[in-house]
Protein backbone atom coordinates (compact mmCIF):
# COMPACT_ATOMS: atom_id res chain seq x y z
CA MET A 1 -22.37 17.09 24.40
CA PRO A 2 -21.56 20.77 23.71
CA PRO A 3 -22.18 21.95 20.14
CA VAL A 4 -19.32 21.83 17.66
CA ARG A 5 -19.39 25.02 15.64
CA LEU A 6 -16.92 23.91 13.00
CA ALA A 7 -18.26 20.99 10.96
CA PRO A 8 -15.98 17.96 11.39
CA PHE A 9 -16.93 16.70 7.91
CA ARG A 10 -15.36 17.31 4.53
CA VAL A 11 -17.76 16.68 1.64
CA ASN A 12 -16.81 16.51 -2.04
CA ILE A 13 -19.20 15.98 -4.97
CA PHE A 14 -18.48 13.96 -8.12
CA GLY A 15 -20.32 13.19 -11.33
CA PRO A 16 -21.77 9.79 -12.29
CA ASP A 17 -18.53 9.09 -14.19
CA LEU A 18 -16.52 9.82 -10.98
CA ALA A 19 -15.21 13.10 -12.40
CA PRO A 20 -14.63 15.60 -9.55
CA TRP A 21 -17.14 18.45 -9.44
CA PHE A 22 -16.80 20.60 -6.33
CA PRO A 23 -16.57 20.57 -2.52
CA ILE A 24 -19.56 21.43 -0.33
CA SER A 25 -18.25 23.68 2.41
CA SER A 26 -21.61 24.97 3.66
CA PHE A 27 -24.40 22.64 4.74
CA GLN A 28 -27.04 22.42 7.45
CA SER A 29 -26.22 18.87 8.51
CA CYS A 30 -24.34 15.76 7.51
CA SER A 31 -24.39 12.23 8.88
CA ALA A 32 -23.00 8.78 8.21
CA THR A 33 -24.17 5.46 9.65
CA LEU A 34 -21.31 3.02 9.27
CA ARG A 35 -22.01 -0.72 9.29
CA HIS A 36 -19.52 -3.55 9.54
CA LEU A 37 -19.89 -5.99 6.62
CA ALA A 38 -23.03 -4.21 5.45
CA LYS A 39 -23.88 -1.12 3.39
CA SER A 40 -23.26 2.20 5.13
CA THR A 41 -25.54 5.16 4.47
CA GLY A 42 -25.46 8.89 5.03
CA THR A 43 -27.34 12.15 4.58
CA LEU A 44 -26.45 15.64 3.45
CA THR A 45 -28.81 18.59 3.96
CA VAL A 46 -28.24 21.93 2.20
CA ASP A 47 -30.31 25.06 1.66
CA LEU A 48 -32.29 25.19 -1.57
CA THR A 49 -30.63 28.57 -2.14
CA HIS A 50 -27.17 26.95 -2.04
CA PRO A 51 -25.35 27.91 -5.27
CA ARG A 52 -24.60 24.23 -6.02
CA ALA A 53 -28.02 22.81 -5.13
CA GLU A 54 -29.12 22.47 -8.75
CA GLN A 55 -26.13 20.29 -9.66
CA LEU A 56 -26.74 18.10 -6.64
CA PHE A 57 -30.10 17.15 -8.18
CA THR A 58 -28.27 15.51 -11.13
CA ALA A 59 -29.05 11.79 -11.37
CA GLY A 60 -26.00 9.74 -10.46
CA ALA A 61 -24.19 12.54 -8.60
CA ARG A 62 -21.85 11.17 -5.94
CA ALA A 63 -20.35 12.28 -2.63
CA THR A 64 -17.35 11.44 -0.47
CA VAL A 65 -17.61 12.21 3.25
CA ASP A 66 -14.47 12.41 5.37
CA TYR A 67 -14.34 12.90 9.15
CA PHE A 68 -11.76 14.96 11.03
CA VAL A 69 -9.92 12.84 13.62
CA GLY A 70 -7.13 15.25 14.49
CA LEU A 71 -6.63 16.31 18.10
CA ALA A 72 -7.09 19.86 19.34
CA GLY A 73 -4.98 22.25 17.32
CA ALA A 74 -4.30 19.73 14.54
CA SER A 75 -4.25 21.01 10.96
CA TYR A 76 -7.33 20.58 8.77
CA ALA A 77 -4.97 20.64 5.80
CA ASP A 78 -3.10 17.47 6.87
CA PRO A 79 -4.58 14.39 5.11
CA ALA A 80 -3.48 12.24 8.07
CA ASN A 81 -6.12 13.95 10.22
CA TRP A 82 -9.02 12.75 8.08
CA VAL A 83 -10.66 9.33 7.75
CA ARG A 84 -13.11 8.28 5.04
CA LEU A 85 -16.58 7.45 6.35
CA ILE A 86 -18.55 6.92 3.17
CA ASN A 87 -18.40 7.35 -0.60
CA GLY A 88 -21.15 6.62 -3.05
CA PRO A 89 -24.12 7.96 -5.05
CA LEU A 90 -26.69 10.50 -3.89
CA GLN A 91 -29.38 7.87 -4.25
CA THR A 92 -32.39 9.68 -2.79
CA LEU A 93 -33.52 13.25 -2.14
CA GLN A 94 -36.28 14.98 -0.23
CA ALA A 95 -36.82 18.69 -0.76
CA GLN A 96 -39.20 21.01 1.04
CA GLY A 97 -40.12 24.65 0.47
CA PRO A 98 -40.76 27.48 0.31
CA PHE A 99 -37.72 28.01 -1.84
CA ARG A 100 -36.05 30.86 0.06
CA THR A 101 -36.17 29.08 3.42
CA GLY A 102 -36.38 25.46 2.26
CA ASN A 103 -33.80 22.73 2.14
CA VAL A 104 -33.03 19.45 0.45
CA THR A 105 -31.73 16.28 2.09
CA PHE A 106 -29.80 13.79 -0.03
CA GLY A 107 -29.43 10.15 0.96
CA ILE A 108 -25.95 8.74 0.31
CA GLU A 109 -25.45 5.01 -0.24
CA ASP A 110 -21.93 3.72 0.18
CA ASP A 111 -20.24 1.89 -2.69
CA TYR A 112 -20.40 -1.24 -0.53
CA GLY A 113 -23.82 -1.45 -2.17
CA ILE A 114 -22.01 -2.75 -5.27
CA LEU A 115 -21.84 -6.11 -3.48
CA GLY A 116 -25.63 -6.13 -3.17
CA ALA A 117 -26.09 -5.41 -6.87
CA ALA A 118 -23.64 -7.90 -8.42
CA LEU A 119 -24.15 -11.63 -8.85
CA ALA A 120 -21.34 -14.17 -8.71
CA TRP A 121 -21.86 -16.18 -11.90
CA PRO A 122 -20.83 -19.86 -12.08
CA LYS A 123 -18.47 -18.97 -14.93
CA PRO A 124 -18.11 -15.17 -14.94
CA SER A 125 -15.74 -15.15 -17.92
CA ALA A 126 -18.37 -16.73 -20.20
CA ALA A 127 -21.62 -15.54 -21.73
CA LEU A 128 -24.88 -16.29 -19.97
CA SER A 129 -25.61 -19.02 -22.52
CA ALA A 130 -22.30 -20.70 -21.65
CA GLN A 131 -22.70 -21.18 -17.89
CA ILE A 132 -21.76 -24.82 -18.24
CA VAL A 133 -20.38 -25.36 -14.72
CA ALA A 134 -22.46 -25.93 -11.61
CA ALA A 135 -20.76 -23.23 -9.53
CA ASP A 136 -17.67 -21.06 -9.22
CA VAL A 137 -15.84 -22.93 -6.45
CA GLN A 138 -12.77 -21.29 -4.94
CA THR A 139 -10.35 -22.49 -2.25
CA GLY A 140 -7.48 -20.42 -0.87
CA PRO A 141 -6.63 -17.62 1.56
CA ALA A 142 -9.75 -15.66 2.47
CA GLU A 143 -8.41 -12.47 0.88
CA THR A 144 -7.64 -14.28 -2.38
CA VAL A 145 -11.08 -15.89 -2.59
CA ILE A 146 -12.94 -12.66 -1.73
CA LYS A 147 -11.01 -10.61 -4.27
CA HIS A 148 -11.48 -13.26 -6.96
CA TYR A 149 -15.26 -12.91 -6.81
CA VAL A 150 -15.18 -9.10 -6.86
CA GLN A 151 -12.62 -8.93 -9.68
CA ALA A 152 -14.34 -11.56 -11.82
CA ASN A 153 -17.85 -10.18 -11.47
CA ALA A 154 -17.94 -6.48 -10.50
CA VAL A 155 -14.76 -5.40 -12.29
CA THR A 156 -14.22 -7.67 -15.30
CA ARG A 157 -17.75 -8.86 -16.12
CA LEU A 158 -19.75 -5.74 -15.23
CA GLY A 159 -16.99 -3.22 -15.95
CA LEU A 160 -18.13 -0.73 -13.32
CA PRO A 161 -16.59 2.74 -13.89
CA GLY A 162 -13.23 3.39 -12.24
CA LEU A 163 -13.37 0.19 -10.17
CA SER A 164 -10.35 -1.98 -9.44
CA VAL A 165 -9.30 -4.50 -6.79
CA ALA A 166 -6.26 -3.89 -4.58
CA ALA A 167 -3.30 -6.24 -4.87
CA ASP A 168 -3.86 -9.62 -3.24
CA LEU A 169 -1.60 -10.18 -0.21
CA GLY A 170 -2.90 -13.68 0.48
CA ARG A 171 -4.06 -12.86 4.01
CA GLY A 172 -6.42 -14.90 6.15
CA PRO A 173 -7.13 -18.59 6.75
CA THR A 174 -7.85 -21.05 3.96
CA VAL A 175 -11.53 -21.01 3.04
CA THR A 176 -13.74 -22.64 0.41
CA ALA A 177 -16.68 -20.89 -1.24
CA SER A 178 -19.18 -21.86 -3.92
CA ALA A 179 -21.21 -19.37 -5.96
CA ARG A 180 -23.99 -19.85 -8.46
CA PHE A 181 -25.72 -16.55 -9.23
CA THR A 182 -25.22 -15.58 -5.59
CA LEU A 183 -25.20 -11.92 -4.59
CA LEU A 184 -21.73 -10.87 -3.50
CA SER A 185 -23.32 -9.30 -0.42
CA ASP A 186 -24.57 -12.75 0.60
CA LEU A 187 -21.36 -14.56 -0.27
CA LEU A 188 -18.50 -12.40 1.00
CA PRO A 189 -19.38 -11.32 4.58
CA ASP A 190 -19.15 -14.86 5.97
CA LEU A 191 -15.73 -15.29 4.35
CA ALA A 192 -14.63 -11.96 5.83
CA ARG A 193 -15.83 -12.92 9.33
CA GLN A 194 -13.78 -16.12 9.22
CA ALA A 195 -10.67 -14.03 8.57
CA GLY A 196 -11.43 -11.08 10.86
CA PHE A 197 -11.70 -8.76 7.85
CA GLY A 198 -13.73 -5.74 6.94
CA LEU A 199 -14.65 -4.95 3.32
CA ARG A 200 -14.60 -1.49 1.74
CA PHE A 201 -14.63 0.47 -1.50
CA THR A 202 -12.56 3.66 -1.30
CA GLN A 203 -12.87 6.42 -3.88
CA THR A 204 -9.77 8.51 -4.56
CA GLY A 205 -10.31 11.09 -7.28
CA SER A 206 -11.98 9.35 -10.20
CA SER A 207 -11.09 5.79 -9.18
CA ARG A 208 -12.53 3.30 -6.71
CA VAL A 209 -10.57 0.47 -5.11
CA PHE A 210 -12.01 -2.57 -3.36
CA ASP A 211 -9.94 -4.01 -0.52
CA VAL A 212 -10.12 -6.01 2.68
CA TYR A 213 -8.73 -4.78 5.97
CA SER A 214 -8.06 -6.41 9.33
CA VAL A 215 -10.21 -5.32 12.27
CA THR A 216 -8.53 -4.50 15.59
CA ASP A 217 -9.07 -5.84 19.10
CA ARG A 218 -9.20 -2.79 21.39
CA SER A 219 -10.86 -4.49 24.36
CA ALA A 220 -7.78 -4.33 26.61
CA ARG A 221 -8.74 -0.75 27.51
CA PRO A 222 -12.47 -0.67 28.37
CA LEU A 223 -14.52 2.48 27.83
CA THR A 224 -15.98 3.65 31.16
CA GLU A 225 -18.34 6.23 32.58
CA ALA A 226 -15.69 7.24 35.12
CA SER A 227 -13.28 8.23 32.34
CA GLY A 228 -15.88 10.56 30.86
CA VAL A 229 -15.96 8.64 27.56
CA VAL A 230 -19.29 6.83 28.17
CA ASN A 231 -22.27 9.17 28.57
CA ASP A 232 -25.02 6.53 28.63
CA TRP A 233 -25.83 3.13 27.18
CA THR A 234 -28.76 0.88 26.24
CA LEU A 235 -28.76 -2.91 26.34
CA LEU A 236 -31.31 -4.79 24.21
CA ARG A 237 -32.46 -8.40 24.01
CA GLY A 238 -35.01 -10.30 21.92
CA GLY A 239 -36.30 -13.88 22.10
CA PRO A 240 -36.12 -16.47 19.30
CA ASP A 241 -38.53 -16.32 16.36
CA CYS A 242 -38.00 -19.98 15.48
CA THR A 243 -36.53 -22.92 17.39
CA ARG A 244 -37.82 -25.74 15.15
CA ALA A 245 -38.36 -25.75 11.40
CA VAL A 246 -40.00 -28.09 8.90
CA VAL A 247 -39.25 -27.72 5.18
CA GLY A 248 -41.34 -29.44 2.52
CA GLY A 249 -39.83 -30.66 -0.73
CA SER A 250 -41.07 -30.80 -4.30
CA GLY A 251 -43.20 -33.92 -4.03
CA ALA A 252 -46.99 -34.07 -3.69
CA GLY A 253 -49.21 -35.72 -1.10
CA THR A 254 -47.69 -38.70 0.67
CA ALA A 255 -44.76 -38.67 -1.77
CA ARG A 256 -43.59 -35.32 -0.46
CA VAL A 257 -40.47 -35.42 1.72
CA PHE A 258 -40.10 -33.16 4.76
CA GLY A 259 -36.86 -32.07 6.37
CA SER A 260 -36.53 -30.73 9.90
CA SER A 261 -34.15 -29.12 12.35
CA ALA A 262 -34.34 -27.97 15.97
CA ASN A 263 -32.23 -25.84 18.31
CA THR A 264 -32.89 -27.73 21.55
CA ALA A 265 -30.32 -25.73 23.49
CA LEU A 266 -32.20 -22.51 22.71
CA GLU A 267 -35.51 -24.16 23.66
CA THR A 268 -34.06 -25.20 27.02
CA GLU A 269 -32.59 -21.76 27.65
CA TRP A 270 -35.84 -19.87 26.91
CA GLY A 271 -38.37 -22.53 27.90
CA GLN A 272 -40.06 -22.07 24.53
CA VAL A 273 -40.75 -24.08 21.37
CA VAL A 274 -41.41 -21.94 18.28
CA GLU A 275 -42.16 -23.80 15.03
CA ALA A 276 -41.94 -22.52 11.46
CA PHE A 277 -42.61 -24.04 8.03
CA GLY A 278 -40.77 -23.48 4.77
CA GLU A 279 -40.66 -24.94 1.26
CA ASP A 280 -37.94 -25.90 -1.20
CA THR A 281 -39.76 -26.95 -4.34
CA ALA A 282 -36.48 -27.53 -6.21
CA THR A 283 -35.64 -30.78 -4.42
CA ASN A 284 -37.06 -33.81 -2.64
CA VAL A 285 -33.72 -34.90 -1.15
CA LEU A 286 -33.98 -35.30 2.60
CA ALA A 287 -30.42 -34.17 3.38
CA THR A 288 -30.95 -30.95 1.44
CA LEU A 289 -34.30 -30.29 3.13
CA ASN A 290 -32.74 -30.88 6.55
CA ALA A 291 -30.03 -28.36 5.68
CA ASP A 292 -32.69 -25.87 4.57
CA ALA A 293 -34.47 -26.32 7.89
CA ALA A 294 -31.23 -25.79 9.80
CA THR A 295 -30.67 -22.56 7.88
CA LEU A 296 -34.17 -21.37 8.78
CA VAL A 297 -33.58 -22.04 12.47
CA ALA A 298 -30.16 -20.38 12.42
CA ALA A 299 -31.66 -17.24 10.87
CA SER A 300 -34.11 -16.74 13.77
CA PRO A 301 -32.16 -16.85 17.03
CA ALA A 302 -32.38 -14.94 20.26
CA THR A 303 -30.59 -11.64 19.82
CA ALA A 304 -28.81 -9.05 21.91
CA GLY A 305 -27.30 -5.68 21.20
CA PHE A 306 -25.76 -2.72 22.93
CA THR A 307 -25.67 0.97 22.04
CA VAL A 308 -23.49 3.50 23.79
CA ASP A 309 -23.29 7.29 23.60
CA ILE A 310 -19.68 8.42 23.84
CA GLN A 311 -17.90 11.68 24.53
CA GLU A 312 -14.78 12.33 22.51
CA GLY A 313 -11.68 13.76 24.13
CA PRO A 314 -7.87 13.88 23.81
CA ALA A 315 -7.55 10.20 24.77
CA PHE A 316 -10.40 8.93 22.63
CA ARG A 317 -11.66 9.81 19.17
CA PHE A 318 -13.81 7.76 16.82
CA GLY A 319 -11.96 7.01 13.60
CA ARG A 320 -8.62 7.54 15.30
CA ASN A 321 -8.55 4.75 17.89
CA MET A 322 -11.86 2.99 17.22
CA PHE A 323 -13.69 2.03 14.02
CA VAL A 324 -16.51 -0.28 12.96
CA GLY A 325 -15.50 -3.94 13.08
CA ASP A 326 -13.13 -3.41 16.00
CA THR A 327 -13.64 -5.37 19.21
CA ILE A 328 -14.22 -3.04 22.14
CA ALA A 329 -15.11 -3.36 25.82
CA VAL A 330 -17.60 -1.08 27.57
CA GLU A 331 -18.04 -1.11 31.36
CA ILE A 332 -21.79 -1.03 32.07
CA SER A 333 -21.74 -1.47 35.85
CA PRO A 334 -19.12 -2.13 38.54
CA ASN A 335 -17.14 -5.27 37.67
CA LEU A 336 -19.28 -5.93 34.59
CA SER A 337 -18.39 -5.07 31.00
CA VAL A 338 -19.57 -5.98 27.52
CA THR A 339 -16.94 -7.03 25.00
CA ASP A 340 -17.84 -7.55 21.36
CA ALA A 341 -17.52 -6.15 17.86
CA LEU A 342 -18.52 -2.59 17.05
CA THR A 343 -21.06 -3.46 14.36
CA GLN A 344 -22.42 0.02 13.66
CA ALA A 345 -21.68 3.66 14.41
CA SER A 346 -23.67 6.79 13.56
CA VAL A 347 -21.73 10.03 13.26
CA SER A 348 -23.74 13.20 12.67
CA TRP A 349 -23.32 16.97 12.82
CA SER A 350 -25.76 19.82 12.43
CA VAL A 351 -25.63 23.57 12.89
CA GLU A 352 -28.19 23.34 15.70
CA SER A 353 -26.98 20.27 17.62
CA GLY A 354 -23.28 19.95 16.94
CA LEU A 355 -21.57 16.55 16.87
CA SER A 356 -23.16 13.24 17.95
CA ILE A 357 -21.56 9.79 17.86
CA SER A 358 -23.55 6.63 18.68
CA PRO A 359 -21.70 3.31 18.36
CA GLN A 360 -23.53 -0.02 18.56
CA VAL A 361 -21.86 -3.12 19.96
CA GLY A 362 -23.22 -6.49 18.89
CA ASP A 363 -26.22 -7.05 16.66
CA THR A 364 -29.94 -6.75 17.39
CA SER A 365 -31.00 -7.90 13.91
CA VAL A 366 -32.52 -11.39 13.87
CA SER A 367 -31.37 -11.89 10.28
CA GLN A 368 -27.74 -11.39 11.30
CA GLY A 369 -27.61 -14.06 13.99
CA PRO A 370 -27.19 -14.33 17.77
CA ASN A 371 -24.72 -12.51 19.94
CA ALA A 372 -23.70 -14.96 22.65
CA VAL A 373 -21.36 -12.57 24.42
CA LEU A 374 -24.06 -9.94 24.92
CA ALA A 375 -26.70 -12.50 25.80
CA ALA A 376 -24.46 -13.82 28.55
CA ALA A 377 -23.78 -10.30 29.77
CA ILE A 378 -27.52 -9.62 30.08
CA SER A 379 -28.00 -12.68 32.28
CA ARG A 380 -25.23 -11.39 34.58
CA ILE A 381 -26.57 -7.85 34.90
CA ALA A 382 -28.81 -8.45 37.92
CA LYS A 383 -25.97 -10.04 39.82
CA GLY A 384 -23.62 -7.23 38.83
CA LEU A 385 -26.06 -4.52 39.88
CA ARG A 386 -26.71 -6.21 43.23
CA ALA A 387 -22.99 -6.42 43.87
CA GLY A 388 -22.62 -2.73 42.98
CA ARG A 389 -25.38 -1.68 45.37
CA SER A 390 -24.29 -3.87 48.26
CA GLY A 391 -20.58 -3.27 47.87
CA LYS A 392 -19.87 -7.00 47.81
């Protein structure tokens, strides 16, 4: 990809209280790795001699990073030509000298991290000593349930600065959720997936708003090498870490109860049996231990993922007609394409290398679960390649 001389990022710095400080118009590099239903991260590298470098070292300093999605000749001054990639604290830094030629790289953690730092209390409106209910159980439209937990815990109970929840529009299917000191980052993504939602915190000035948004199916128009959009791609697959699990309860000796679970379909597919053992010392109830074992098996499946390097052009631009969470199709060989969610995308720019965009389709993380669509595509690749070579 040819270098981009004009940085496609707009970076603004804020104080810990969200008060606006200043824009950063000169930097060596900037990047953002966006993740669907997970915390996005970014980096910002500036010279140590930068006139604002000292303020950037302030604990709790924050940044917003916007990406230019306008077409050739579009105005940088038009807000419609920018999309927010990330906003959050400068959580880490790494500086290296000597001073006159050195630089400092700041790690940015998106405000989505709030969900990983806030617990959903059984009764969030009461003091810790008054948690007299077993769990906070909610039933209703997915948007309503999700926003209840964020409002009750992150906004009302914790009172995080400048944070509010967008108006509830009652979107999504009816869901039921139960929370008892559960991290919001563990609770909300599954609810969002059921509704086809993404989750985001957007900072505007000195305020932050949490909202859900609907992801888009863009698979009707596959990305192809022939169109010049796809430069190259990598397809990944990993076998299961566990196909059978045994979970021991709280008893002792022969009085101890053991639950179990097995994924026989996965064992047949891979011709493997992989056992694992876990413990739940809080119970000796067989049904609960069986459920624990099923959870352990489900968390260790076979996995598949796909990364693709794309070339932007007038007909295609990340952030304009594709974003994380969207369903896209990528042609990987004649008559064979991969269709799945865009789970991650890295967007980076540097003075030396210009712009680079690397989307990832599917999920290669064992902890996030299997990707049946990609796994099936992998098993068809040999046939597809043979057909491409033979012309059949």
